[in-house]
Amino acid sequence: MQARNNIAPAVRFTPKEIQALFKEKLEAVETSIKDNCQSSVAMIPMIGEYLAAGGGKRLRPMLVLATSSLCGYKGGNKDVIHSTVIEYIHAATLLHDDVVDDADIRRGIPSVNVKFGNEYSVLTGDFLFARSFSMMSVNSTPEMIQALSDATANLAEGEILELVHNADMELTEEKYIDLVYRKTGALIQASCVIGAHIGCADKEKLKALKNYGENIGIAFQIVDDMLDFTASKEKLGKPVGQDLVEGHITLPIIHACSQASEDEKRFLTETVNDEKLTKQNIGEILAVVKKYESIDYCQRIAEKYVEEAVASLDCFEPDKYLDALKGLAEYIVNRDT
């Protein structure tokens, strides 16, 4: 994919190359995800297999593997175990989110709540939370448990804030950034922090990876919110404009509203608050977003966060795992799905 930002061209690793770099470890993560989701209650592994079949970027495991390797971790399976833990926490939140949002599509296939029902979706999410903390109890240091506990609390707070600000056209950019850090950035940041702990990083490197994770986490969600306006349904895996349908106010809308005329602001507010938002409505909203170049604005903001993320890695010596982290940052800001 051709870069469309100002990040230094020294970045070498593409997502496929990063996957190749950690091929054996990522395969071990997939096996661990399946093995640790077993239960005498047959519905749980059935839903687990359905989730796994839906795919996923496995961004968080790649971050655990890359950061722990960068910090000198060799051998053992702590990186695989904690990649599994983080994927379980991530999957649990998605299961719960789809129920809250009454979503019917996830990664291009019927969501678990549609396929199996809301009750099974919520309770399987609870099982994954329980399993993740059970695994941590015998594999993690207190610092690692604290990092993941904090991230999980942030996830819940972010989702609650999203409900509080549902269809809230007064949401500011500052509050939006706080919200996306909590709902997305915190767990991505924790993936990097966990990797640093696995590799026994010193305070300087731990801080650097924490900053890197926070910034790419925020950038990831900004790009996600942009794609809701720009990607095709086939690539996005859900209908275009689904965030608007669910009442989520994201940065493209916030920016467009800040630039719009009073009539346009009134139109945006009334339309977003309409419970029966149509494709035509979404198209009209997108026209306002395009008029004020709000997608370009969001791209610049995402690039700023990624550039800050890459700059925070200056304390590390040149290394293939450092190139992998820079490559992941490049991918996050330039992805189209």
Protein backbone atom coordinates (compact mmCIF):
# COMPACT_ATOMS: atom_id res chain seq x y z
CA MET A 1 0.00 0.00 0.00
CA GLN A 2 1.41 3.37 -0.92
CA ALA A 3 1.99 5.61 2.09
CA ARG A 4 -0.10 8.78 2.23
CA ASN A 5 1.57 10.47 5.17
CA ASN A 6 4.83 12.02 6.28
CA ILE A 7 6.20 9.14 8.32
CA ALA A 8 9.85 8.51 7.54
CA PRO A 9 10.29 6.12 4.58
CA ALA A 10 12.82 4.06 6.57
CA VAL A 11 9.92 1.83 7.68
CA ARG A 12 10.47 -1.51 5.95
CA PHE A 13 8.04 -4.05 7.35
CA THR A 14 4.60 -4.55 5.82
CA PRO A 15 1.85 -6.34 7.78
CA LYS A 16 2.48 -9.53 5.78
CA GLU A 17 6.20 -9.34 6.54
CA ILE A 18 5.44 -8.84 10.22
CA GLN A 19 3.15 -11.86 10.17
CA ALA A 20 5.95 -13.84 8.51
CA LEU A 21 8.43 -12.65 11.14
CA PHE A 22 6.22 -14.07 13.90
CA LYS A 23 4.68 -16.92 11.89
CA GLU A 24 5.36 -19.70 14.41
CA LYS A 25 4.39 -17.56 17.39
CA LEU A 26 1.15 -16.39 15.77
CA GLU A 27 0.28 -19.99 14.95
CA ALA A 28 0.91 -20.83 18.61
CA VAL A 29 -1.39 -17.95 19.61
CA GLU A 30 -4.18 -19.35 17.42
CA THR A 31 -3.75 -22.78 19.00
CA SER A 32 -3.72 -21.23 22.48
CA ILE A 33 -6.89 -19.23 21.77
CA LYS A 34 -8.68 -22.44 20.78
CA ASP A 35 -7.27 -24.65 23.56
CA ASN A 36 -8.00 -22.24 26.38
CA CYS A 37 -11.60 -21.71 25.25
CA GLN A 38 -12.55 -25.30 25.99
CA SER A 39 -15.39 -25.98 28.41
CA SER A 40 -17.69 -28.82 29.38
CA VAL A 41 -20.48 -26.45 28.33
CA ALA A 42 -20.44 -27.16 24.60
CA MET A 43 -21.90 -23.81 23.58
CA ILE A 44 -18.79 -21.95 24.77
CA PRO A 45 -16.19 -23.60 22.46
CA MET A 46 -18.80 -23.53 19.67
CA ILE A 47 -19.07 -19.76 19.95
CA GLY A 48 -15.29 -19.53 20.36
CA GLU A 49 -14.77 -21.38 17.08
CA TYR A 50 -17.33 -19.14 15.38
CA LEU A 51 -15.44 -16.06 16.60
CA ALA A 52 -12.10 -17.47 15.42
CA ALA A 53 -13.56 -18.32 11.99
CA GLY A 54 -14.55 -14.68 11.60
CA GLY A 55 -10.88 -13.75 11.49
CA GLY A 56 -9.34 -10.59 12.89
CA LYS A 57 -6.20 -8.57 12.42
CA ARG A 58 -4.45 -10.00 15.52
CA LEU A 59 -2.89 -6.56 15.93
CA ARG A 60 -2.67 -6.89 19.70
CA PRO A 61 -0.82 -10.23 19.67
CA MET A 62 1.60 -8.85 17.08
CA LEU A 63 2.28 -5.93 19.40
CA VAL A 64 2.93 -8.26 22.35
CA LEU A 65 5.28 -10.37 20.24
CA ALA A 66 7.12 -7.40 18.71
CA THR A 67 7.56 -5.42 21.92
CA SER A 68 8.66 -8.41 24.01
CA SER A 69 11.15 -9.44 21.32
CA LEU A 70 12.44 -5.87 21.02
CA CYS A 71 13.07 -5.88 24.77
CA GLY A 72 15.08 -9.09 24.57
CA TYR A 73 12.59 -11.87 25.35
CA LYS A 74 13.76 -15.20 23.94
CA GLY A 75 12.21 -18.62 24.33
CA GLY A 76 9.34 -19.53 26.59
CA ASN A 77 5.65 -18.95 25.98
CA LYS A 78 4.79 -15.94 28.12
CA ASP A 79 4.33 -13.88 24.96
CA VAL A 80 1.88 -16.44 23.53
CA ILE A 81 -0.05 -16.74 26.80
CA HIS A 82 -0.46 -13.01 27.20
CA SER A 83 -1.37 -12.57 23.53
CA THR A 84 -4.19 -15.02 24.21
CA VAL A 85 -5.25 -13.16 27.34
CA ILE A 86 -5.43 -9.86 25.48
CA GLU A 87 -7.36 -11.39 22.56
CA TYR A 88 -9.87 -12.85 25.04
CA ILE A 89 -10.37 -9.45 26.66
CA HIS A 90 -10.75 -7.86 23.22
CA ALA A 91 -13.21 -10.55 22.05
CA ALA A 92 -15.25 -10.26 25.27
CA THR A 93 -15.71 -6.53 24.78
CA LEU A 94 -16.78 -7.06 21.15
CA LEU A 95 -19.37 -9.63 22.25
CA HIS A 96 -20.78 -7.19 24.79
CA ASP A 97 -20.58 -4.20 22.43
CA ASP A 98 -22.58 -5.93 19.71
CA VAL A 99 -25.38 -6.57 22.20
CA VAL A 100 -25.34 -2.97 23.46
CA ASP A 101 -25.28 -1.59 19.89
CA ASP A 102 -27.80 -4.15 18.62
CA ALA A 103 -25.31 -4.89 15.83
CA ASP A 104 -25.99 -7.65 13.34
CA ILE A 105 -22.71 -7.84 11.38
CA ARG A 106 -19.16 -8.35 12.64
CA ARG A 107 -16.27 -8.79 10.18
CA GLY A 108 -18.65 -9.49 7.33
CA ILE A 109 -20.61 -12.31 9.02
CA PRO A 110 -23.59 -12.35 11.38
CA SER A 111 -22.50 -11.21 14.83
CA VAL A 112 -22.63 -13.70 17.71
CA ASN A 113 -25.67 -12.02 19.24
CA VAL A 114 -27.57 -12.54 15.97
CA LYS A 115 -26.27 -16.07 15.40
CA PHE A 116 -26.71 -17.38 18.94
CA GLY A 117 -28.69 -14.72 20.82
CA ASN A 118 -27.92 -11.86 23.19
CA GLU A 119 -27.82 -14.05 26.28
CA TYR A 120 -25.18 -16.38 24.87
CA SER A 121 -23.15 -13.43 23.57
CA VAL A 122 -23.02 -11.68 26.95
CA LEU A 123 -22.32 -14.82 28.95
CA THR A 124 -19.60 -16.06 26.58
CA GLY A 125 -17.98 -12.63 26.93
CA ASP A 126 -18.11 -13.10 30.70
CA PHE A 127 -16.48 -16.52 30.31
CA LEU A 128 -13.64 -15.04 28.25
CA PHE A 129 -13.04 -12.35 30.87
CA ALA A 130 -12.93 -15.02 33.57
CA ARG A 131 -10.59 -17.23 31.54
CA SER A 132 -8.23 -14.35 30.82
CA PHE A 133 -7.85 -13.45 34.49
CA SER A 134 -7.47 -17.12 35.43
CA MET A 135 -4.57 -17.38 32.97
CA MET A 136 -3.02 -14.21 34.37
CA SER A 137 -3.23 -15.51 37.93
CA VAL A 138 -0.56 -18.13 37.19
CA ASN A 139 1.44 -16.43 34.43
CA SER A 140 1.62 -12.70 35.18
CA THR A 141 3.46 -10.39 37.53
CA PRO A 142 1.47 -7.94 39.69
CA GLU A 143 2.52 -5.14 37.31
CA MET A 144 1.14 -7.02 34.31
CA ILE A 145 -2.13 -7.83 36.08
CA GLN A 146 -2.47 -4.17 37.05
CA ALA A 147 -1.87 -3.03 33.45
CA LEU A 148 -4.52 -5.35 32.07
CA SER A 149 -6.97 -4.59 34.88
CA ASP A 150 -6.60 -0.87 34.20
CA ALA A 151 -7.10 -1.43 30.47
CA THR A 152 -10.23 -3.50 31.08
CA ALA A 153 -11.65 -0.80 33.35
CA ASN A 154 -10.91 1.78 30.67
CA LEU A 155 -12.72 -0.35 28.10
CA ALA A 156 -15.85 -0.42 30.21
CA GLU A 157 -15.61 3.31 30.92
CA GLY A 158 -15.17 4.03 27.21
CA GLU A 159 -18.26 2.06 26.28
CA ILE A 160 -20.28 3.81 28.99
CA LEU A 161 -19.06 7.19 27.77
CA GLU A 162 -20.11 6.23 24.27
CA LEU A 163 -23.61 5.56 25.58
CA VAL A 164 -23.62 8.84 27.52
CA HIS A 165 -22.68 10.72 24.34
CA ASN A 166 -24.98 8.78 22.02
CA ALA A 167 -26.15 11.20 19.30
CA ASP A 168 -24.56 14.03 21.30
CA MET A 169 -23.66 16.71 18.77
CA GLU A 170 -22.05 18.75 21.55
CA LEU A 171 -19.27 16.18 21.94
CA THR A 172 -15.91 17.96 21.65
CA GLU A 173 -12.78 16.70 19.97
CA GLU A 174 -11.03 16.59 23.34
CA LYS A 175 -13.73 14.40 24.87
CA TYR A 176 -13.78 12.24 21.74
CA ILE A 177 -10.03 11.55 22.06
CA ASP A 178 -10.51 10.59 25.70
CA LEU A 179 -13.34 8.26 24.72
CA VAL A 180 -11.42 6.51 21.93
CA TYR A 181 -8.37 6.11 24.17
CA ARG A 182 -10.51 4.30 26.71
CA LYS A 183 -12.51 2.12 24.31
CA THR A 184 -9.63 1.20 21.97
CA GLY A 185 -6.31 2.79 22.83
CA ALA A 186 -6.04 1.45 26.37
CA LEU A 187 -5.91 -2.23 25.38
CA ILE A 188 -3.53 -1.56 22.49
CA GLN A 189 -1.33 0.36 24.92
CA ALA A 190 -1.57 -2.53 27.41
CA SER A 191 -0.40 -4.94 24.69
CA CYS A 192 2.82 -2.93 24.41
CA VAL A 193 3.23 -2.57 28.17
CA ILE A 194 2.77 -6.32 28.65
CA GLY A 195 5.39 -7.00 25.98
CA ALA A 196 7.79 -4.63 27.73
CA HIS A 197 7.27 -6.45 31.04
CA ILE A 198 7.75 -9.85 29.41
CA GLY A 199 11.06 -8.58 28.02
CA CYS A 200 12.07 -7.07 31.38
CA ALA A 201 12.41 -3.59 29.87
CA ASP A 202 13.93 -0.79 31.94
CA LYS A 203 11.87 2.25 32.93
CA GLU A 204 12.90 4.30 29.89
CA LYS A 205 11.91 1.60 27.41
CA LEU A 206 8.72 0.77 29.31
CA LYS A 207 7.68 4.43 29.15
CA ALA A 208 8.57 4.60 25.44
CA LEU A 209 6.46 1.56 24.59
CA LYS A 210 3.61 2.83 26.75
CA ASN A 211 3.63 6.12 24.80
CA TYR A 212 3.90 4.27 21.50
CA GLY A 213 0.91 2.08 22.36
CA GLU A 214 -1.26 4.97 23.50
CA ASN A 215 -0.64 6.96 20.34
CA ILE A 216 -1.14 4.14 17.83
CA GLY A 217 -4.23 3.07 19.77
CA ILE A 218 -5.84 6.47 19.37
CA ALA A 219 -4.78 6.63 15.71
CA PHE A 220 -6.26 3.17 15.10
CA GLN A 221 -9.71 4.24 16.28
CA ILE A 222 -9.61 7.54 14.38
CA VAL A 223 -8.89 5.62 11.17
CA ASP A 224 -11.65 3.14 12.06
CA ASP A 225 -14.07 6.05 12.38
CA MET A 226 -12.93 7.49 9.06
CA LEU A 227 -13.44 4.14 7.34
CA ASP A 228 -17.07 4.13 8.46
CA PHE A 229 -17.52 6.96 5.94
CA THR A 230 -15.11 5.93 3.20
CA ALA A 231 -14.72 2.15 2.97
CA SER A 232 -16.96 -0.19 1.03
CA LYS A 233 -19.28 -2.59 2.84
CA GLU A 234 -17.23 -5.50 1.48
CA LYS A 235 -13.96 -4.20 2.93
CA LEU A 236 -15.46 -2.80 6.10
CA GLY A 237 -17.35 -5.97 6.95
CA LYS A 238 -20.41 -3.93 7.96
CA PRO A 239 -22.69 -1.35 6.31
CA VAL A 240 -21.14 2.06 5.59
CA GLY A 241 -22.40 4.64 8.06
CA GLN A 242 -23.14 2.06 10.74
CA ASP A 243 -21.63 4.29 13.43
CA LEU A 244 -24.17 6.98 12.59
CA VAL A 245 -27.02 4.47 12.65
CA GLU A 246 -25.93 3.46 16.15
CA GLY A 247 -25.68 7.10 17.23
CA HIS A 248 -21.89 7.19 17.58
CA ILE A 249 -20.51 10.70 17.11
CA THR A 250 -17.02 10.42 15.68
CA LEU A 251 -14.29 12.82 14.60
CA PRO A 252 -15.46 13.33 10.99
CA ILE A 253 -18.84 14.53 12.29
CA ILE A 254 -17.29 16.59 15.09
CA HIS A 255 -15.01 18.39 12.63
CA ALA A 256 -17.73 18.91 10.01
CA CYS A 257 -20.07 20.33 12.64
CA SER A 258 -17.37 22.73 13.85
CA GLN A 259 -17.05 24.15 10.32
CA ALA A 260 -20.69 24.01 9.23
CA SER A 261 -23.18 26.84 8.87
CA GLU A 262 -26.01 27.12 11.38
CA ASP A 263 -28.43 25.54 8.90
CA GLU A 264 -26.02 22.67 8.30
CA LYS A 265 -25.50 22.16 12.03
CA ARG A 266 -29.25 22.05 12.51
CA PHE A 267 -29.56 19.52 9.68
CA LEU A 268 -26.78 17.33 11.13
CA THR A 269 -28.25 17.42 14.63
CA GLU A 270 -31.78 16.61 13.49
CA THR A 271 -30.65 13.87 11.12
CA VAL A 272 -28.28 12.15 13.55
CA ASN A 273 -31.03 12.14 16.17
CA ASP A 274 -33.50 10.56 13.76
CA GLU A 275 -34.05 6.98 14.91
CA LYS A 276 -34.87 5.91 11.35
CA LEU A 277 -31.72 7.07 9.57
CA THR A 278 -31.88 6.16 5.87
CA LYS A 279 -29.21 5.61 3.22
CA GLN A 280 -30.21 8.95 1.74
CA ASN A 281 -29.70 10.64 5.12
CA ILE A 282 -26.27 9.07 5.43
CA GLY A 283 -25.39 10.27 1.94
CA GLU A 284 -26.47 13.81 2.82
CA ILE A 285 -24.38 13.75 5.99
CA LEU A 286 -21.41 12.45 4.02
CA ALA A 287 -21.81 15.36 1.60
CA VAL A 288 -21.35 17.81 4.49
CA VAL A 289 -18.36 15.84 5.74
CA LYS A 290 -16.81 15.98 2.26
CA LYS A 291 -17.60 19.68 1.85
CA TYR A 292 -15.45 20.58 4.86
CA GLU A 293 -12.72 18.01 4.06
CA SER A 294 -13.28 16.39 7.43
CA ILE A 295 -11.82 13.04 6.35
CA ASP A 296 -8.57 14.77 5.36
CA TYR A 297 -8.56 16.51 8.73
CA CYS A 298 -8.98 13.18 10.52
CA GLN A 299 -6.17 11.69 8.44
CA ARG A 300 -3.83 14.48 9.55
CA ILE A 301 -4.77 13.95 13.20
CA ALA A 302 -4.19 10.19 12.92
CA GLU A 303 -0.81 10.84 11.26
CA LYS A 304 0.15 13.17 14.10
CA TYR A 305 -0.48 10.45 16.67
CA VAL A 306 1.42 7.86 14.64
CA GLU A 307 4.36 10.20 14.17
CA GLU A 308 4.46 10.76 17.94
CA ALA A 309 4.32 7.00 18.44
CA VAL A 310 7.28 6.37 16.13
CA ALA A 311 9.27 9.24 17.69
CA SER A 312 8.84 7.69 21.14
CA LEU A 313 10.87 4.68 19.98
CA ASP A 314 14.08 6.70 19.57
CA CYS A 315 15.58 5.16 22.72
CA PHE A 316 15.85 1.76 20.99
CA GLU A 317 18.80 0.62 18.88
CA PRO A 318 18.12 -0.35 15.25
CA ASP A 319 16.54 -3.78 15.17
CA LYS A 320 14.16 -5.83 13.01
CA TYR A 321 11.60 -5.78 15.82
CA LEU A 322 11.86 -1.99 15.96
CA ASP A 323 11.19 -1.95 12.20
CA ALA A 324 8.19 -4.21 12.84
CA LEU A 325 6.71 -1.72 15.31
CA LYS A 326 7.28 1.13 12.87
CA GLY A 327 5.68 -0.97 10.15
CA LEU A 328 2.62 -1.58 12.32
CA ALA A 329 2.33 2.16 12.94
CA GLU A 330 2.55 2.79 9.20
CA TYR A 331 -0.11 0.17 8.54
CA ILE A 332 -2.49 1.63 11.13
CA VAL A 333 -2.55 5.08 9.55
CA ASN A 334 -2.76 3.84 5.95
CA ARG A 335 -5.08 0.84 6.19
CA ASP A 336 -8.28 0.71 4.18
CA THR A 337 -10.04 -1.98 6.17
